[in-house]
Every structure is written in C-alpha cells, then in structure tokens.
Amino acid sequence: MEGKPYLDAVYNETVTVIEFEEGLDGETFFLYIFLAAVIVLLLVIGQHFLTSFSKKSSSKKQAIERGTGQSNDVDFEWLPKETLREISKNSSPKQSPRQRKTVK
C-alpha cells in the first residue's frame, strides 16, 4: 500500500423500490369471483324463502279432476261411427282384468 491513503465513498441513502402495478392480480380476481358466488347464493336463498312464504299464504285446494263417474256423462259424438259400433259390440261389464280371465 505504500503509504497512500484510499478513500471510498459510501452510498448511504434510502433506496425506493417501485413495484409495477398490474391491473388485476390473481388474488383479487378470485376474491371477486368468491364475492359474486356468495351474492348469487344469497339471491337463490332469498327467492326460495319468498316463494315458500307466498305459497303458504295463498294455498288453495285445487279441484282434482276425477273423470266421468257414469258412462252417461261421456260425449261420444266426436268418435267415428265405426269406432262406436266396435265399442257397443265389445262392451263388457266393468271388471278388473283378473276377473275377466276365464277359468278352464
């Protein structure tokens, strides 16, 4: 070193790091997806409760159609004449199929 003094300049200043801001990162994207799913779930639950309360308040017994009670109530005018003849020829008493079987 031969007696020469050396002087080093020390950089003593705070370094500022600037991070590039993305428009939408993955964490924020999935947070928005999760919030949208929660909102949709709340809407479905709300609709379910609203429809269940509206059905209870306006529950009326609906008349059940039981068909014709007697054969006189049936309107056969719309059937062709050939079909009417077949019906009158093959008319059998009202029995269940098991009772119609003939025993040999």
C-alpha atoms as a PDB file:
ATOM      1  CA  MET A   1       0.000   0.000   0.000  1.00  0.00           C
ATOM      2  CA  GLU A   2       2.977   2.179   0.132  1.00  0.00           C
ATOM      3  CA  GLY A   3       1.501   4.786   2.451  1.00  0.00           C
ATOM      4  CA  LYS A   4      -1.132   6.175   0.072  1.00  0.00           C
ATOM      5  CA  PRO A   5      -4.462   6.778   1.739  1.00  0.00           C
ATOM      6  CA  TYR A   6      -7.511   5.332  -0.017  1.00  0.00           C
ATOM      7  CA  LEU A   7     -10.888   6.967   0.248  1.00  0.00           C
ATOM      8  CA  ASP A   8     -14.090   5.066  -0.598  1.00  0.00           C
ATOM      9  CA  ALA A   9     -17.346   6.912  -0.951  1.00  0.00           C
ATOM     10  CA  VAL A  10     -20.178   5.045   0.806  1.00  0.00           C
ATOM     11  CA  TYR A  11     -23.629   5.348  -0.673  1.00  0.00           C
ATOM     12  CA  ASN A  12     -25.804   5.985   2.350  1.00  0.00           C
ATOM     13  CA  GLU A  13     -29.244   6.820   1.032  1.00  0.00           C
ATOM     14  CA  THR A  14     -32.626   5.063   1.199  1.00  0.00           C
ATOM     15  CA  VAL A  15     -33.423   3.101  -1.926  1.00  0.00           C
ATOM     16  CA  THR A  16     -37.007   3.314  -3.160  1.00  0.00           C
ATOM     17  CA  VAL A  17     -38.349   0.233  -4.922  1.00  0.00           C
ATOM     18  CA  ILE A  18     -41.322   0.840  -7.181  1.00  0.00           C
ATOM     19  CA  GLU A  19     -43.441  -2.225  -7.868  1.00  0.00           C
ATOM     20  CA  PHE A  20     -45.192  -2.478 -11.183  1.00  0.00           C
ATOM     21  CA  GLU A  21     -48.945  -2.332 -10.556  1.00  0.00           C
ATOM     22  CA  GLU A  22     -50.867  -4.859 -12.563  1.00  0.00           C
ATOM     23  CA  GLY A  23     -54.441  -4.190 -13.464  1.00  0.00           C
ATOM     24  CA  LEU A  24     -55.812  -7.289 -11.743  1.00  0.00           C
ATOM     25  CA  ASP A  25     -53.793  -9.924  -9.969  1.00  0.00           C
ATOM     26  CA  GLY A  26     -54.888 -13.492  -9.268  1.00  0.00           C
ATOM     27  CA  GLU A  27     -55.767 -12.965  -5.618  1.00  0.00           C
ATOM     28  CA  THR A  28     -58.073 -10.053  -6.377  1.00  0.00           C
ATOM     29  CA  PHE A  29     -59.675 -11.897  -9.279  1.00  0.00           C
ATOM     30  CA  PHE A  30     -60.594 -14.911  -7.127  1.00  0.00           C
ATOM     31  CA  LEU A  31     -61.815 -12.618  -4.363  1.00  0.00           C
ATOM     32  CA  TYR A  32     -64.261 -11.045  -6.820  1.00  0.00           C
ATOM     33  CA  ILE A  33     -65.348 -14.491  -8.042  1.00  0.00           C
ATOM     34  CA  PHE A  34     -65.960 -15.607  -4.445  1.00  0.00           C
ATOM     35  CA  LEU A  35     -67.965 -12.481  -3.639  1.00  0.00           C
ATOM     36  CA  ALA A  36     -70.095 -12.934  -6.761  1.00  0.00           C
ATOM     37  CA  ALA A  37     -70.790 -16.570  -5.784  1.00  0.00           C
ATOM     38  CA  VAL A  38     -71.851 -15.502  -2.286  1.00  0.00           C
ATOM     39  CA  ILE A  39     -74.193 -12.870  -3.721  1.00  0.00           C
ATOM     40  CA  VAL A  40     -75.757 -15.389  -6.124  1.00  0.00           C
ATOM     41  CA  LEU A  41     -76.187 -17.866  -3.266  1.00  0.00           C
ATOM     42  CA  LEU A  42     -77.920 -15.240  -1.140  1.00  0.00           C
ATOM     43  CA  LEU A  43     -80.240 -14.358  -4.029  1.00  0.00           C
ATOM     44  CA  VAL A  44     -81.206 -18.013  -4.543  1.00  0.00           C
ATOM     45  CA  ILE A  45     -81.882 -18.491  -0.827  1.00  0.00           C
ATOM     46  CA  GLY A  46     -83.946 -15.295  -0.764  1.00  0.00           C
ATOM     47  CA  GLN A  47     -86.002 -16.400  -3.753  1.00  0.00           C
ATOM     48  CA  HIS A  48     -86.577 -19.792  -2.134  1.00  0.00           C
ATOM     49  CA  PHE A  49     -87.922 -18.224   1.050  1.00  0.00           C
ATOM     50  CA  LEU A  50     -90.070 -15.717  -0.825  1.00  0.00           C
ATOM     51  CA  THR A  51     -91.698 -18.409  -2.946  1.00  0.00           C
ATOM     52  CA  SER A  52     -92.262 -20.675   0.062  1.00  0.00           C
ATOM     53  CA  PHE A  53     -93.973 -17.862   2.004  1.00  0.00           C
ATOM     54  CA  SER A  54     -96.124 -16.848  -0.963  1.00  0.00           C
ATOM     55  CA  LYS A  55     -97.287 -20.447  -1.476  1.00  0.00           C
ATOM     56  CA  LYS A  56     -98.261 -20.798   2.170  1.00  0.00           C
ATOM     57  CA  SER A  57    -100.281 -17.598   2.229  1.00  0.00           C
ATOM     58  CA  SER A  58    -102.266 -18.377  -0.916  1.00  0.00           C
ATOM     59  CA  SER A  59    -102.618 -22.126  -0.575  1.00  0.00           C
ATOM     60  CA  LYS A  60    -105.961 -23.157  -2.013  1.00  0.00           C
ATOM     61  CA  LYS A  61    -107.021 -26.697  -2.566  1.00  0.00           C
ATOM     62  CA  GLN A  62    -107.240 -27.309  -6.243  1.00  0.00           C
ATOM     63  CA  ALA A  63    -110.050 -29.424  -7.529  1.00  0.00           C
ATOM     64  CA  ILE A  64    -108.833 -32.788  -8.706  1.00  0.00           C
ATOM     65  CA  GLU A  65    -110.450 -33.968 -11.907  1.00  0.00           C
ATOM     66  CA  ARG A  66    -111.669 -37.492 -11.397  1.00  0.00           C
ATOM     67  CA  GLY A  67    -113.037 -38.161 -14.849  1.00  0.00           C
ATOM     68  CA  THR A  68    -116.553 -39.236 -15.605  1.00  0.00           C
ATOM     69  CA  GLY A  69    -118.436 -41.014 -12.901  1.00  0.00           C
ATOM     70  CA  GLN A  70    -121.004 -42.613 -15.145  1.00  0.00           C
ATOM     71  CA  SER A  71    -120.948 -43.742 -18.737  1.00  0.00           C
ATOM     72  CA  ASN A  72    -123.862 -41.385 -19.482  1.00  0.00           C
ATOM     73  CA  ASP A  73    -121.583 -38.396 -18.920  1.00  0.00           C
ATOM     74  CA  VAL A  74    -119.238 -39.317 -21.796  1.00  0.00           C
ATOM     75  CA  ASP A  75    -119.631 -37.471 -25.099  1.00  0.00           C
ATOM     76  CA  PHE A  76    -119.172 -39.963 -27.939  1.00  0.00           C
ATOM     77  CA  GLU A  77    -120.158 -37.580 -30.754  1.00  0.00           C
ATOM     78  CA  TRP A  78    -116.569 -36.894 -31.791  1.00  0.00           C
ATOM     79  CA  LEU A  79    -115.835 -40.593 -32.436  1.00  0.00           C
ATOM     80  CA  PRO A  80    -116.317 -42.087 -35.902  1.00  0.00           C
ATOM     81  CA  LYS A  81    -119.322 -44.371 -36.391  1.00  0.00           C
ATOM     82  CA  GLU A  82    -117.119 -47.435 -36.949  1.00  0.00           C
ATOM     83  CA  THR A  83    -115.497 -46.940 -33.587  1.00  0.00           C
ATOM     84  CA  LEU A  84    -118.856 -46.510 -31.885  1.00  0.00           C
ATOM     85  CA  ARG A  85    -120.028 -49.799 -33.392  1.00  0.00           C
ATOM     86  CA  GLU A  86    -116.894 -51.560 -32.117  1.00  0.00           C
ATOM     87  CA  ILE A  87    -117.409 -50.122 -28.660  1.00  0.00           C
ATOM     88  CA  SER A  88    -121.051 -51.172 -28.493  1.00  0.00           C
ATOM     89  CA  LYS A  89    -120.241 -54.657 -29.864  1.00  0.00           C
ATOM     90  CA  ASN A  90    -117.352 -55.304 -27.490  1.00  0.00           C
ATOM     91  CA  SER A  91    -118.817 -53.614 -24.430  1.00  0.00           C
ATOM     92  CA  SER A  92    -118.150 -55.734 -21.411  1.00  0.00           C
ATOM     93  CA  PRO A  93    -119.052 -55.111 -17.813  1.00  0.00           C
ATOM     94  CA  LYS A  94    -116.545 -53.088 -15.869  1.00  0.00           C
ATOM     95  CA  GLN A  95    -114.310 -55.656 -14.268  1.00  0.00           C
ATOM     96  CA  SER A  96    -110.673 -55.848 -13.495  1.00  0.00           C
ATOM     97  CA  PRO A  97    -108.525 -57.845 -15.936  1.00  0.00           C
ATOM     98  CA  ARG A  98    -108.044 -60.593 -13.341  1.00  0.00           C
ATOM     99  CA  GLN A  99    -111.775 -61.108 -13.024  1.00  0.00           C
ATOM    100  CA  ARG A 100    -112.211 -61.239 -16.834  1.00  0.00           C
ATOM    101  CA  LYS A 101    -109.991 -64.303 -17.177  1.00  0.00           C
ATOM    102  CA  THR A 102    -111.966 -67.432 -17.870  1.00  0.00           C
ATOM    103  CA  VAL A 103    -111.229 -70.479 -15.780  1.00  0.00           C
ATOM    104  CA  LYS A 104    -110.808 -73.680 -17.847  1.00  0.00           C
END
